[in-house]
Amino acid sequence: MDEALVLWWDGFERAADEEDAFCSDARRPSWVPPNMGALARAVRRTSLCRLFPFTSHALLCLSDREDFWQAGLLGGQIAPAFVARTCEDGYLVHSGSAAEPHEASRVLVTHDAVVAAAQLELLLAAWPPGRTGDLASSG
């Protein structure tokens, strides 16, 4: 795996753990559950480690480029599936764009980060279109 991508995932995991610590602090009640760290590590152990993770509110999203959001760049895309998080339901895996989450279809509800990561991996097995290489050897 590319060193820049490894560093990106390392930083994402640290940020996820820090968010979890913040959200689990009883002095600061939060509607966001402290479960992003487990999800980040579970997704990283799949073939999805070839993508760049980021968060949008309580969503775990993936992109084919680290700079997809910068104006003027061509070709960067947000993956057409994501994982939302809730205290009651745990992880909600969706098919569809994180940019339009209200239009996405819920595919799975689970409290297990590994199960959520596996479902996300299935949804994104052929994404991005036209990619080459064996996913099993990408991690």
Protein backbone atom coordinates (compact mmCIF):
# COMPACT_ATOMS: atom_id res chain seq x y z
CA MET A 1 0.00 0.00 0.00
CA ASP A 2 1.14 3.54 -0.74
CA GLU A 3 2.91 5.18 2.22
CA ALA A 4 0.72 8.30 1.98
CA LEU A 5 -2.38 6.11 2.25
CA VAL A 6 -0.94 4.29 5.28
CA LEU A 7 -0.29 7.63 6.97
CA TRP A 8 -3.80 8.81 6.08
CA TRP A 9 -5.33 5.71 7.71
CA ASP A 10 -3.06 6.06 10.76
CA GLY A 11 -4.23 9.65 11.23
CA PHE A 12 -7.85 8.69 10.64
CA GLU A 13 -7.70 5.97 13.31
CA ARG A 14 -6.15 8.39 15.82
CA ALA A 15 -8.83 11.00 15.08
CA ALA A 16 -11.56 8.34 15.39
CA ASP A 17 -10.26 7.27 18.81
CA GLU A 18 -10.09 10.91 19.93
CA GLU A 19 -13.67 11.47 18.77
CA ASP A 20 -14.77 8.35 20.65
CA ALA A 21 -13.09 9.58 23.83
CA PHE A 22 -14.77 12.97 23.47
CA CYS A 23 -18.20 11.42 22.79
CA SER A 24 -17.97 9.03 25.73
CA ASP A 25 -17.11 11.74 28.26
CA ALA A 26 -20.10 11.99 30.61
CA ARG A 27 -19.38 15.69 31.17
CA ARG A 28 -20.20 16.33 27.50
CA PRO A 29 -23.22 14.20 26.56
CA SER A 30 -23.29 13.53 22.83
CA TRP A 31 -25.77 11.95 20.43
CA VAL A 32 -22.79 10.57 18.52
CA PRO A 33 -21.86 7.07 19.73
CA PRO A 34 -18.23 6.32 20.62
CA ASN A 35 -17.88 3.61 17.95
CA MET A 36 -15.86 5.19 15.13
CA GLY A 37 -12.49 3.76 16.22
CA ALA A 38 -13.72 0.18 16.00
CA LEU A 39 -15.26 0.87 12.60
CA ALA A 40 -12.11 2.55 11.27
CA ARG A 41 -9.97 -0.43 12.28
CA ALA A 42 -12.48 -2.93 10.85
CA VAL A 43 -12.70 -1.13 7.50
CA ARG A 44 -8.92 -0.80 7.33
CA ARG A 45 -8.59 -4.60 7.58
CA THR A 46 -10.64 -5.01 4.38
CA SER A 47 -9.78 -4.29 0.75
CA LEU A 48 -11.24 -0.82 1.36
CA CYS A 49 -7.86 0.21 2.79
CA ARG A 50 -7.10 1.21 -0.83
CA LEU A 51 -9.44 4.21 -0.35
CA PHE A 52 -9.19 7.40 1.69
CA PRO A 53 -11.48 7.53 4.76
CA PHE A 54 -13.15 10.68 6.02
CA THR A 55 -16.10 11.63 8.18
CA SER A 56 -19.10 13.77 7.53
CA HIS A 57 -21.05 14.33 10.74
CA ALA A 58 -21.53 10.78 12.08
CA LEU A 59 -20.84 9.08 8.73
CA LEU A 60 -17.79 7.09 7.66
CA CYS A 61 -17.18 7.90 4.00
CA LEU A 62 -14.52 6.84 1.53
CA SER A 63 -12.98 8.49 -1.51
CA ASP A 64 -10.65 7.48 -4.30
CA ARG A 65 -8.46 10.56 -3.65
CA GLU A 66 -7.37 12.43 -0.56
CA ASP A 67 -8.08 15.79 -2.18
CA PHE A 68 -11.42 15.04 -3.86
CA TRP A 69 -13.16 18.02 -2.24
CA GLN A 70 -10.78 20.71 -3.51
CA ALA A 71 -12.24 22.94 -6.21
CA GLY A 72 -10.89 22.55 -9.71
CA LEU A 73 -9.73 18.95 -9.43
CA LEU A 74 -11.09 16.40 -11.84
CA GLY A 75 -11.63 12.73 -11.21
CA GLY A 76 -12.02 12.57 -7.44
CA GLN A 77 -15.11 10.73 -6.26
CA ILE A 78 -16.92 9.91 -3.04
CA ALA A 79 -17.73 6.21 -2.75
CA PRO A 80 -21.38 5.31 -3.44
CA ALA A 81 -21.82 3.65 -0.03
CA PHE A 82 -21.18 4.77 3.55
CA VAL A 83 -21.76 3.87 7.20
CA ALA A 84 -23.85 6.03 9.51
CA ARG A 85 -23.71 5.65 13.29
CA THR A 86 -26.41 5.91 15.94
CA CYS A 87 -26.46 5.13 19.65
CA GLU A 88 -29.57 2.95 19.33
CA ASP A 89 -28.71 0.99 16.19
CA GLY A 90 -24.92 1.04 16.08
CA TYR A 91 -23.83 0.99 12.44
CA LEU A 92 -26.16 1.61 9.51
CA VAL A 93 -24.63 0.66 6.16
CA HIS A 94 -26.10 2.55 3.20
CA SER A 95 -25.90 2.20 -0.55
CA GLY A 96 -25.88 5.62 -2.17
CA SER A 97 -24.08 8.91 -1.91
CA ALA A 98 -23.03 10.39 1.42
CA ALA A 99 -23.56 13.75 -0.27
CA GLU A 100 -27.30 12.89 -0.40
CA PRO A 101 -27.75 10.56 2.62
CA HIS A 102 -31.53 11.04 2.73
CA GLU A 103 -31.71 9.46 -0.75
CA ALA A 104 -29.48 6.47 0.12
CA SER A 105 -30.88 3.00 0.84
CA ARG A 106 -30.20 1.34 4.17
CA VAL A 107 -28.74 -2.11 3.54
CA LEU A 108 -27.73 -3.32 7.01
CA VAL A 109 -28.12 -2.41 10.67
CA THR A 110 -25.64 -3.96 13.13
CA HIS A 111 -23.75 -3.27 16.34
CA ASP A 112 -20.74 -5.21 15.00
CA ALA A 113 -18.05 -3.07 13.31
CA VAL A 114 -16.58 -6.08 11.47
CA VAL A 115 -19.98 -6.99 9.99
CA ALA A 116 -20.57 -3.37 8.93
CA ALA A 117 -17.11 -3.21 7.31
CA ALA A 118 -17.72 -6.47 5.44
CA GLN A 119 -21.04 -5.20 4.06
CA LEU A 120 -19.43 -1.92 2.99
CA GLU A 121 -16.68 -3.90 1.28
CA LEU A 122 -19.31 -5.92 -0.65
CA LEU A 123 -21.08 -2.75 -1.76
CA LEU A 124 -17.82 -1.21 -2.99
CA ALA A 125 -16.20 -4.33 -4.46
CA ALA A 126 -16.32 -2.93 -8.01
CA TRP A 127 -15.71 0.70 -7.09
CA PRO A 128 -14.27 2.89 -8.41
CA PRO A 129 -15.23 1.79 -11.93
CA GLY A 130 -12.31 0.89 -14.16
CA ARG A 131 -9.88 0.21 -11.32
CA THR A 132 -7.32 -2.49 -11.93
CA GLY A 133 -5.41 -4.89 -9.73
CA ASP A 134 -6.23 -7.59 -7.27
CA LEU A 135 -7.95 -6.20 -4.18
CA ALA A 136 -6.76 -9.09 -2.05
CA SER A 137 -3.17 -7.95 -2.51
CA SER A 138 -3.87 -4.26 -1.83
CA GLY A 139 -3.83 -4.46 1.96
